[in-house]
Amino acid sequence: MKGRVRANQAGCLDQCEHGPNVVVYPDAVWYGHVTEADVEEIIDSHIVDGRPVERLRLADSCLNTTTCEHRKPKP
């Protein structure tokens, strides 16, 4: 996969309510509440086989919006 895949560390993705996040581009698939144990599944299923891991996928309605049901109101 050398030359086809690059992993970058990012700062804030503004999705704290979804725990640790992973985003796969160019697909723009966002994963939330990702643990170290999930990484191999994301690589094997999504990166290698092209099948997103639905159980970890964040709903589009929760991305970059203040109306996400998981977002806590600011005091």
N, C-alpha and C. Protein backbone atom coordinates (compact mmCIF):
# COMPACT_ATOMS: atom_id res chain seq x y z
N MET A 1 0.81 -1.19 0.00
CA MET A 1 0.00 0.00 0.00
C MET A 1 0.86 1.26 0.00
N LYS A 2 2.16 1.06 0.01
CA LYS A 2 3.06 2.20 -0.01
C LYS A 2 2.80 3.05 -1.25
N GLY A 3 2.69 4.35 -1.03
CA GLY A 3 2.41 5.26 -2.12
C GLY A 3 0.92 5.46 -2.39
N ARG A 4 0.08 4.61 -1.81
CA ARG A 4 -1.38 4.73 -2.00
C ARG A 4 -2.08 5.26 -0.77
N VAL A 5 -1.48 5.05 0.41
CA VAL A 5 -2.13 5.40 1.68
C VAL A 5 -1.18 6.22 2.51
N ARG A 6 -1.72 7.25 3.13
CA ARG A 6 -0.93 8.06 4.05
C ARG A 6 -1.75 8.30 5.31
N ALA A 7 -1.13 8.10 6.45
CA ALA A 7 -1.79 8.36 7.74
C ALA A 7 -1.23 9.64 8.31
N ASN A 8 -2.12 10.54 8.69
CA ASN A 8 -1.72 11.82 9.27
C ASN A 8 -2.33 11.96 10.65
N GLN A 9 -1.59 12.56 11.53
CA GLN A 9 -2.13 12.94 12.82
C GLN A 9 -2.75 14.32 12.64
N ALA A 10 -3.89 14.53 13.24
CA ALA A 10 -4.56 15.83 13.11
C ALA A 10 -4.80 16.43 14.48
N GLY A 11 -5.01 17.71 14.49
CA GLY A 11 -5.42 18.38 15.71
C GLY A 11 -6.90 18.17 15.90
N CYS A 12 -7.56 19.17 16.36
CA CYS A 12 -8.99 19.10 16.64
C CYS A 12 -9.79 18.93 15.35
N LEU A 13 -10.67 17.94 15.33
CA LEU A 13 -11.59 17.74 14.21
C LEU A 13 -12.98 18.26 14.56
N ASP A 14 -13.11 18.85 15.74
CA ASP A 14 -14.35 19.45 16.22
C ASP A 14 -15.49 18.44 16.34
N GLN A 15 -15.15 17.23 16.73
CA GLN A 15 -16.15 16.18 16.90
C GLN A 15 -15.94 15.47 18.24
N CYS A 16 -15.62 16.22 19.28
CA CYS A 16 -15.27 15.64 20.58
C CYS A 16 -16.36 14.73 21.14
N GLU A 17 -17.62 15.04 20.86
CA GLU A 17 -18.71 14.24 21.39
C GLU A 17 -18.74 12.82 20.81
N HIS A 18 -17.93 12.58 19.78
CA HIS A 18 -17.86 11.26 19.16
C HIS A 18 -16.57 10.52 19.50
N GLY A 19 -15.88 10.98 20.53
CA GLY A 19 -14.66 10.30 20.96
C GLY A 19 -13.57 10.38 19.92
N PRO A 20 -12.57 9.52 20.02
CA PRO A 20 -11.50 9.53 19.01
C PRO A 20 -12.08 9.29 17.62
N ASN A 21 -11.62 10.09 16.66
CA ASN A 21 -12.14 10.05 15.29
C ASN A 21 -11.08 9.62 14.29
N VAL A 22 -11.56 9.01 13.22
CA VAL A 22 -10.73 8.70 12.06
C VAL A 22 -11.54 9.13 10.84
N VAL A 23 -10.88 9.78 9.89
CA VAL A 23 -11.54 10.16 8.64
C VAL A 23 -10.76 9.54 7.50
N VAL A 24 -11.47 8.90 6.58
CA VAL A 24 -10.84 8.27 5.42
C VAL A 24 -11.19 9.09 4.18
N TYR A 25 -10.16 9.65 3.55
CA TYR A 25 -10.32 10.40 2.31
C TYR A 25 -9.70 9.60 1.18
N PRO A 26 -10.18 9.72 -0.03
CA PRO A 26 -11.11 10.73 -0.53
C PRO A 26 -12.57 10.40 -0.30
N ASP A 27 -12.87 9.29 0.40
CA ASP A 27 -14.26 8.88 0.62
C ASP A 27 -15.03 9.78 1.57
N ALA A 28 -14.31 10.55 2.40
CA ALA A 28 -14.92 11.42 3.41
C ALA A 28 -15.82 10.63 4.35
N VAL A 29 -15.34 9.46 4.74
CA VAL A 29 -16.06 8.64 5.72
C VAL A 29 -15.46 8.92 7.09
N TRP A 30 -16.33 9.32 8.02
CA TRP A 30 -15.91 9.64 9.38
C TRP A 30 -16.29 8.49 10.29
N TYR A 31 -15.35 8.12 11.15
CA TYR A 31 -15.58 7.10 12.16
C TYR A 31 -15.46 7.74 13.53
N GLY A 32 -16.30 7.29 14.45
CA GLY A 32 -16.25 7.83 15.80
C GLY A 32 -16.11 6.74 16.85
N HIS A 33 -15.67 7.16 18.03
CA HIS A 33 -15.44 6.25 19.16
C HIS A 33 -14.49 5.13 18.77
N VAL A 34 -13.50 5.46 17.99
CA VAL A 34 -12.54 4.48 17.49
C VAL A 34 -11.55 4.13 18.59
N THR A 35 -11.32 2.84 18.75
CA THR A 35 -10.32 2.36 19.70
C THR A 35 -9.15 1.77 18.91
N GLU A 36 -8.08 1.53 19.60
CA GLU A 36 -6.92 0.90 18.96
C GLU A 36 -7.30 -0.44 18.35
N ALA A 37 -8.22 -1.15 19.00
CA ALA A 37 -8.67 -2.45 18.50
C ALA A 37 -9.44 -2.34 17.18
N ASP A 38 -10.01 -1.16 16.87
CA ASP A 38 -10.78 -0.96 15.64
C ASP A 38 -9.91 -0.66 14.43
N VAL A 39 -8.69 -0.23 14.64
CA VAL A 39 -7.85 0.25 13.55
C VAL A 39 -7.61 -0.82 12.49
N GLU A 40 -7.30 -2.02 12.89
CA GLU A 40 -7.04 -3.09 11.92
C GLU A 40 -8.29 -3.36 11.06
N GLU A 41 -9.48 -3.33 11.69
CA GLU A 41 -10.71 -3.55 10.93
C GLU A 41 -10.95 -2.43 9.92
N ILE A 42 -10.69 -1.19 10.30
CA ILE A 42 -10.85 -0.07 9.37
C ILE A 42 -9.89 -0.23 8.19
N ILE A 43 -8.66 -0.59 8.48
CA ILE A 43 -7.68 -0.77 7.40
C ILE A 43 -8.08 -1.92 6.48
N ASP A 44 -8.36 -3.08 7.07
CA ASP A 44 -8.70 -4.26 6.26
C ASP A 44 -9.99 -4.08 5.47
N SER A 45 -11.03 -3.61 6.14
CA SER A 45 -12.34 -3.51 5.49
C SER A 45 -12.43 -2.31 4.56
N HIS A 46 -12.08 -1.13 5.06
CA HIS A 46 -12.29 0.08 4.26
C HIS A 46 -11.13 0.38 3.31
N ILE A 47 -9.94 0.44 3.85
CA ILE A 47 -8.79 0.83 3.03
C ILE A 47 -8.45 -0.24 2.00
N VAL A 48 -8.41 -1.49 2.41
CA VAL A 48 -8.01 -2.58 1.50
C VAL A 48 -9.18 -3.04 0.63
N ASP A 49 -10.35 -3.32 1.26
CA ASP A 49 -11.47 -3.91 0.53
C ASP A 49 -12.53 -2.91 0.06
N GLY A 50 -12.42 -1.63 0.48
CA GLY A 50 -13.36 -0.62 0.02
C GLY A 50 -14.73 -0.67 0.66
N ARG A 51 -14.84 -1.36 1.81
CA ARG A 51 -16.12 -1.47 2.51
C ARG A 51 -16.04 -0.73 3.84
N PRO A 52 -16.69 0.43 3.98
CA PRO A 52 -16.67 1.15 5.26
C PRO A 52 -17.19 0.28 6.40
N VAL A 53 -16.70 0.55 7.58
CA VAL A 53 -17.11 -0.18 8.79
C VAL A 53 -18.32 0.54 9.36
N GLU A 54 -19.50 0.05 9.03
CA GLU A 54 -20.74 0.74 9.36
C GLU A 54 -20.95 0.92 10.86
N ARG A 55 -20.52 -0.01 11.67
CA ARG A 55 -20.75 0.09 13.11
C ARG A 55 -20.01 1.27 13.75
N LEU A 56 -18.99 1.77 13.08
CA LEU A 56 -18.22 2.91 13.60
C LEU A 56 -18.49 4.21 12.85
N ARG A 57 -19.20 4.13 11.79
CA ARG A 57 -19.42 5.28 10.91
C ARG A 57 -20.32 6.32 11.58
N LEU A 58 -19.92 7.59 11.48
CA LEU A 58 -20.73 8.68 12.01
C LEU A 58 -21.75 9.10 10.96
N ALA A 59 -22.96 9.37 11.42
CA ALA A 59 -24.02 9.83 10.53
C ALA A 59 -23.68 11.21 9.98
N ASP A 60 -24.00 11.44 8.73
CA ASP A 60 -23.76 12.75 8.13
C ASP A 60 -24.45 13.86 8.92
N SER A 61 -25.58 13.54 9.53
CA SER A 61 -26.33 14.55 10.30
C SER A 61 -25.61 14.97 11.57
N CYS A 62 -24.56 14.27 11.95
CA CYS A 62 -23.80 14.60 13.15
C CYS A 62 -22.47 15.29 12.85
N LEU A 63 -22.16 15.47 11.60
CA LEU A 63 -20.87 16.05 11.25
C LEU A 63 -20.93 17.56 11.09
N ASN A 64 -20.08 18.24 11.84
CA ASN A 64 -19.92 19.68 11.72
C ASN A 64 -21.25 20.44 11.80
N THR A 65 -22.07 20.05 12.75
CA THR A 65 -23.34 20.73 12.95
C THR A 65 -23.62 20.89 14.43
N THR A 66 -24.27 21.94 14.79
CA THR A 66 -24.62 22.16 16.19
C THR A 66 -25.89 21.41 16.57
N THR A 67 -26.56 20.80 15.60
CA THR A 67 -27.81 20.11 15.89
C THR A 67 -27.64 18.61 16.11
N CYS A 68 -26.42 18.12 16.15
CA CYS A 68 -26.18 16.70 16.40
C CYS A 68 -26.76 16.35 17.78
N GLU A 69 -27.47 15.24 17.83
CA GLU A 69 -28.10 14.81 19.08
C GLU A 69 -27.08 14.47 20.16
N HIS A 70 -25.84 14.22 19.79
CA HIS A 70 -24.80 13.85 20.75
C HIS A 70 -24.07 15.06 21.33
N ARG A 71 -24.22 16.21 20.72
CA ARG A 71 -23.51 17.41 21.14
C ARG A 71 -24.16 18.00 22.38
N LYS A 72 -23.34 18.24 23.39
CA LYS A 72 -23.84 18.84 24.61
C LYS A 72 -23.91 20.34 24.42
N PRO A 73 -24.99 20.96 24.93
CA PRO A 73 -25.07 22.42 24.80
C PRO A 73 -23.96 23.10 25.61
N LYS A 74 -23.43 24.19 25.07
CA LYS A 74 -22.39 24.93 25.76
C LYS A 74 -23.03 25.76 26.86
N PRO A 75 -22.36 25.84 28.02
CA PRO A 75 -22.95 26.60 29.15
C PRO A 75 -22.99 28.09 28.88
